[in-house]
Protein backbone atom coordinates (compact mmCIF):
# COMPACT_ATOMS: atom_id res chain seq x y z
CA UNK A 1 -63.26 -106.22 -27.41
CA UNK A 2 -61.02 -106.03 -24.42
CA UNK A 3 -61.00 -102.67 -22.59
CA UNK A 4 -58.16 -101.90 -20.27
CA UNK A 5 -58.80 -99.65 -17.30
CA UNK A 6 -56.21 -97.29 -16.22
CA UNK A 7 -54.49 -98.19 -13.08
CA UNK A 8 -55.56 -96.33 -10.07
CA UNK A 9 -53.09 -95.62 -7.37
CA UNK A 10 -53.80 -96.45 -3.83
CA UNK A 11 -53.82 -92.70 -2.93
CA UNK A 12 -56.46 -92.07 -5.59
CA UNK A 13 -58.57 -94.94 -4.34
CA UNK A 14 -58.39 -93.67 -0.85
CA UNK A 15 -59.42 -90.18 -1.95
CA UNK A 16 -62.35 -91.59 -3.93
CA UNK A 17 -63.49 -93.72 -1.08
CA UNK A 18 -63.27 -90.80 1.28
CA UNK A 19 -65.26 -88.61 -1.14
CA UNK A 20 -67.98 -91.21 -1.44
CA UNK A 21 -68.19 -91.68 2.27
CA UNK A 22 -68.39 -87.86 2.80
CA UNK A 23 -65.22 -87.67 4.82
CA UNK A 24 -62.15 -85.92 3.48
CA UNK A 25 -58.90 -86.61 5.16
CA UNK A 26 -56.94 -83.82 3.38
CA UNK A 27 -59.20 -80.90 2.33
CA UNK A 28 -56.41 -78.92 0.64
CA UNK A 29 -56.23 -81.45 -2.15
CA UNK A 30 -59.51 -80.30 -3.61
CA UNK A 31 -59.16 -76.55 -3.07
CA UNK A 32 -59.03 -74.54 -6.39
CA UNK A 33 -55.67 -72.97 -7.31
CA UNK A 34 -55.88 -69.17 -7.90
CA UNK A 35 -53.07 -67.62 -9.94
CA UNK A 36 -52.35 -63.95 -8.99
CA UNK A 37 -50.64 -61.99 -11.77
CA UNK A 38 -47.29 -60.59 -10.64
CA UNK A 39 -46.47 -56.84 -11.32
CA UNK A 40 -43.79 -55.80 -13.87
CA UNK A 41 -40.29 -55.86 -12.54
CA UNK A 42 -38.81 -52.64 -11.11
CA UNK A 43 -35.64 -53.16 -13.09
CA UNK A 44 -37.42 -52.53 -16.37
CA UNK A 45 -38.98 -49.29 -15.02
CA UNK A 46 -35.62 -48.08 -13.73
CA UNK A 47 -33.95 -48.66 -17.07
CA UNK A 48 -36.66 -46.72 -18.88
CA UNK A 49 -36.39 -43.76 -16.46
CA UNK A 50 -32.61 -43.66 -16.78
CA UNK A 51 -32.90 -43.63 -20.55
CA UNK A 52 -35.38 -40.71 -20.49
CA UNK A 53 -33.14 -38.71 -18.11
CA UNK A 54 -30.16 -39.38 -20.34
CA UNK A 55 -32.04 -38.04 -23.35
CA UNK A 56 -33.06 -34.91 -21.43
CA UNK A 57 -29.49 -34.34 -20.22
CA UNK A 58 -28.10 -34.66 -23.75
CA UNK A 59 -30.68 -32.21 -25.08
CA UNK A 60 -29.93 -29.65 -22.33
CA UNK A 61 -26.16 -29.93 -22.83
CA UNK A 62 -26.53 -29.52 -26.59
CA UNK A 63 -28.74 -26.46 -26.18
CA UNK A 64 -26.35 -24.91 -23.64
CA UNK A 65 -23.35 -25.40 -25.89
CA UNK A 66 -25.18 -23.86 -28.82
CA UNK A 67 -26.29 -20.90 -26.68
CA UNK A 68 -22.74 -20.29 -25.41
CA UNK A 69 -21.31 -20.38 -28.93
CA UNK A 70 -23.99 -17.95 -30.13
CA UNK A 71 -23.03 -15.50 -27.34
CA UNK A 72 -19.34 -15.84 -28.24
CA UNK A 73 -20.10 -15.04 -31.85
CA UNK A 74 -22.11 -11.96 -30.82
CA UNK A 75 -19.24 -10.76 -28.61
CA UNK A 76 -16.77 -11.22 -31.45
CA UNK A 77 -19.00 -9.19 -33.75
CA UNK A 78 -19.34 -6.46 -31.10
CA UNK A 79 -15.56 -6.31 -30.63
CA UNK A 80 -15.00 -6.00 -34.36
CA UNK A 81 -17.64 -3.26 -34.60
CA UNK A 82 -16.11 -1.39 -31.65
CA UNK A 83 -12.64 -1.53 -33.18
CA UNK A 84 -13.99 -0.12 -36.40
CA UNK A 85 -15.79 2.67 -34.53
CA UNK A 86 -12.67 3.55 -32.53
CA UNK A 87 -10.59 3.64 -35.67
CA UNK A 88 -13.14 5.91 -37.31
CA UNK A 89 -13.28 8.28 -34.32
CA UNK A 90 -9.49 8.43 -34.14
CA UNK A 91 -9.33 9.26 -37.80
CA UNK A 92 -11.93 12.00 -37.43
CA UNK A 93 -10.15 13.38 -34.32
CA UNK A 94 -6.81 13.43 -36.10
CA UNK A 95 -8.37 15.19 -39.08
CA UNK A 96 -10.02 17.82 -36.84
CA UNK A 97 -6.78 18.31 -34.89
CA UNK A 98 -4.80 18.88 -38.06
CA UNK A 99 -7.34 21.42 -39.26
CA UNK A 100 -7.71 23.32 -35.98
CA UNK A 101 -4.26 23.13 -34.35
CA UNK A 102 -2.51 26.42 -33.57
CA UNK A 103 1.15 27.31 -33.38
CA UNK A 104 2.78 26.86 -29.98
CA UNK A 105 3.28 30.61 -29.58
CA UNK A 106 -0.41 31.40 -30.08
CA UNK A 107 -2.39 31.19 -26.78
CA UNK A 108 -5.55 29.13 -26.76
CA UNK A 109 -8.79 31.07 -26.36
CA UNK A 110 -10.33 31.17 -22.89
CA UNK A 111 -13.11 28.70 -22.26
CA UNK A 112 -15.30 27.93 -19.29
CA UNK A 113 -16.04 30.23 -16.37
CA UNK A 114 -12.50 31.39 -15.59
CA UNK A 115 -9.47 32.78 -17.34
CA UNK A 116 -6.00 33.74 -16.22
CA UNK A 117 -5.07 37.31 -15.34
CA UNK A 118 -2.09 39.02 -16.92
CA UNK A 119 -0.89 40.08 -13.46
CA UNK A 120 -2.06 39.88 -9.86
CA UNK A 121 -1.39 43.61 -9.51
CA UNK A 122 -2.71 46.68 -11.28
CA UNK A 123 -0.36 48.87 -13.33
CA UNK A 124 -0.23 51.41 -10.50
CA UNK A 125 0.61 48.69 -7.97
CA UNK A 126 3.32 47.33 -10.27
CA UNK A 127 5.01 50.75 -10.41
CA UNK A 128 4.85 51.06 -6.62
CA UNK A 129 6.29 47.54 -6.23
CA UNK A 130 9.30 48.48 -8.36
CA UNK A 131 9.95 51.60 -6.27
CA UNK A 132 9.46 49.59 -3.05
CA UNK A 133 12.07 47.05 -4.16
CA UNK A 134 14.60 49.85 -4.59
CA UNK A 135 13.66 51.35 -1.24
CA UNK A 136 14.14 48.19 0.84
CA UNK A 137 17.28 47.24 -1.13
CA UNK A 138 17.06 43.51 -0.36
CA UNK A 139 16.89 44.14 3.39
CA UNK A 140 13.59 42.26 3.62
CA UNK A 141 11.15 40.28 1.49
CA UNK A 142 8.14 41.85 -0.19
CA UNK A 143 4.87 39.93 -0.41
CA UNK A 144 1.73 41.22 -2.09
CA UNK A 145 -1.99 40.43 -2.04
CA UNK A 146 -1.77 38.68 1.34
CA UNK A 147 -4.89 37.79 3.31
CA UNK A 148 -5.21 39.40 6.74
CA UNK A 149 -5.98 35.94 8.10
CA UNK A 150 -2.40 34.94 7.27
CA UNK A 151 -1.02 37.72 9.48
CA UNK A 152 -3.27 37.69 12.55
CA UNK A 153 -5.26 35.10 14.46
CA UNK A 154 -8.33 35.19 16.69
CA UNK A 155 -8.29 35.10 20.49
CA UNK A 156 -11.87 33.87 20.90
CA UNK A 157 -12.59 30.71 22.87
CA UNK A 158 -15.95 29.53 21.52
CA UNK A 159 -16.22 27.93 18.11
CA UNK A 160 -18.91 30.28 16.79
CA UNK A 161 -16.94 33.37 17.81
CA UNK A 162 -13.79 32.01 16.16
CA UNK A 163 -15.61 31.32 12.90
CA UNK A 164 -17.21 34.77 12.89
CA UNK A 165 -13.88 36.50 13.59
CA UNK A 166 -12.04 34.41 10.97
CA UNK A 167 -14.62 35.28 8.33
CA UNK A 168 -14.07 39.00 8.97
CA UNK A 169 -10.29 38.87 8.59
CA UNK A 170 -10.00 36.23 5.86
CA UNK A 171 -11.81 38.46 3.38
CA UNK A 172 -9.40 41.36 3.84
CA UNK A 173 -6.38 41.46 1.50
CA UNK A 174 -3.27 43.53 2.16
CA UNK A 175 -1.57 45.26 -0.77
CA UNK A 176 2.01 44.64 0.38
CA UNK A 177 3.65 42.95 3.38
CA UNK A 178 7.28 43.32 4.43
CA UNK A 179 8.78 40.17 5.96
CA UNK A 180 12.10 39.40 7.62
CA UNK A 181 14.47 37.62 5.23
CA UNK A 182 15.48 35.00 7.84
CA UNK A 183 12.33 33.86 9.64
CA UNK A 184 9.71 35.58 7.40
CA UNK A 185 8.18 37.32 10.41
CA UNK A 186 5.95 40.27 9.58
CA UNK A 187 7.69 43.66 9.69
CA UNK A 188 4.92 45.93 8.40
CA UNK A 189 1.85 46.12 6.20
CA UNK A 190 1.70 48.64 3.35
CA UNK A 191 -1.59 49.83 1.89
CA UNK A 192 -1.69 51.79 -1.36
CA UNK A 193 -4.78 54.00 -1.17
CA UNK A 194 -6.56 55.68 -4.06
CA UNK A 195 -9.86 57.53 -4.38
CA UNK A 196 -11.85 54.30 -3.89
CA UNK A 197 -10.79 54.41 -0.24
CA UNK A 198 -12.89 57.57 0.19
CA UNK A 199 -16.10 55.58 -0.21
CA UNK A 200 -17.99 54.94 3.06
CA UNK A 201 -17.65 51.17 2.77
CA UNK A 202 -13.90 51.39 2.20
CA UNK A 203 -13.50 53.88 5.04
CA UNK A 204 -15.22 51.45 7.37
CA UNK A 205 -13.02 48.63 6.08
CA UNK A 206 -9.85 50.71 6.60
CA UNK A 207 -10.87 51.55 10.16
CA UNK A 208 -11.36 47.87 10.96
CA UNK A 209 -8.00 47.09 9.35
CA UNK A 210 -6.16 49.72 11.39
CA UNK A 211 -7.75 48.56 14.65
CA UNK A 212 -6.99 44.90 13.95
CA UNK A 213 -3.34 45.44 13.02
CA UNK A 214 -2.82 47.83 15.95
CA UNK A 215 -4.20 45.20 18.33
CA UNK A 216 -1.97 42.54 16.74
CA UNK A 217 1.12 44.79 17.04
CA UNK A 218 1.78 45.06 13.28
CA UNK A 219 2.67 48.51 11.86
CA UNK A 220 0.50 49.80 9.03
CA UNK A 221 1.99 52.26 6.53
CA UNK A 222 -0.26 53.95 3.97
CA UNK A 223 0.76 55.67 0.75
CA UNK A 224 -1.57 57.79 -1.33
CA UNK A 225 -1.82 56.88 -4.97
CA UNK A 226 -3.32 58.41 -8.08
CA UNK A 227 -3.44 57.21 -11.65
CA UNK A 228 -0.06 57.62 -13.31
CA UNK A 229 1.73 58.32 -10.01
CA UNK A 230 5.51 58.28 -10.01
CA UNK A 231 6.89 56.85 -6.78
CA UNK A 232 10.21 57.99 -5.39
CA UNK A 233 12.13 55.16 -3.71
CA UNK A 234 13.81 57.64 -1.37
CA UNK A 235 10.46 58.90 -0.06
CA UNK A 236 9.31 55.34 0.51
CA UNK A 237 12.59 54.47 2.24
CA UNK A 238 12.25 57.45 4.58
CA UNK A 239 8.84 56.15 5.70
CA UNK A 240 10.25 52.66 6.33
CA UNK A 241 13.66 53.51 7.83
CA UNK A 242 12.63 52.85 11.42
CA UNK A 243 11.06 49.51 10.48
CA UNK A 244 13.68 47.94 8.21
CA UNK A 245 16.24 45.54 9.72
CA UNK A 246 19.39 47.24 10.95
CA UNK A 247 17.56 50.27 12.38
CA UNK A 248 15.67 50.85 15.57
CA UNK A 249 12.15 49.57 15.04
CA UNK A 250 9.31 51.97 15.81
CA UNK A 251 6.57 51.14 18.24
CA UNK A 252 4.22 48.71 16.54
CA UNK A 253 1.19 50.30 18.09
CA UNK A 254 2.02 53.85 16.95
CA UNK A 255 -0.48 55.70 14.81
CA UNK A 256 0.29 56.42 11.11
CA UNK A 257 2.58 59.30 10.31
CA UNK A 258 1.10 62.82 10.41
CA UNK A 259 2.49 63.38 6.93
CA UNK A 260 0.15 60.73 5.56
CA UNK A 261 -2.88 62.37 7.16
CA UNK A 262 -1.99 65.70 5.55
CA UNK A 263 -1.72 64.11 2.09
CA UNK A 264 -4.89 62.11 2.67
CA UNK A 265 -6.89 65.15 3.79
CA UNK A 266 -5.66 67.23 0.87
CA UNK A 267 -6.63 64.52 -1.66
CA UNK A 268 -10.07 63.99 -0.11
CA UNK A 269 -10.79 67.73 -0.03
CA UNK A 270 -11.18 67.94 3.75
């Protein structure tokens, strides 16, 4: 049987001869080949991460939209409930108003800490005011219940002294004040005295008032009054003749008329 040998190239023969002789001309030909596994590609990892982020984003957006719509629905329900409550309150208020309303002519009852007075003057002061109007006969204006601080001012220089002096005069109220019809300058102060002015505190107050007005150059005229007094306009006019416009004005610093002192002493029992 004929056996055919495979042909051997000249390079193979040379390598075999070199191996048998112990000399290798090219050592890299017989080194073992080591295959190092390559890592997975970054592109695949990036695609996976993008897909996961996309899923998370979609979930968050869906939840946010659902949350916003739930809030909107709650607000709509609250608005509807509020409208119903307002309608109910308005209906109750209208019903109560219809049941409790009063005619226009009937005054509402006083409530709170304050209530209006019928008049700023007492009945006795009202009667004197009427007689005083006839006495002056439109020759001047008549003011009533005027603070002394509106008629005089302080001459003090320091702030504390001014405040102290202002407090003393601001709390004093004049019964009546006669003013010029043109420039509203003060002509005289009229005090209507009754038995309350015999009290020690009122006597002290009247003394301070007389001294202050005398120093300010404002005449002070006093009239004695009792309950149910009838005032004669002619008597009042005679006391004011020298002060009213068109007549010679008396000295502003003059003391009150002696006639007043006689009436005052007789009433006080002195």
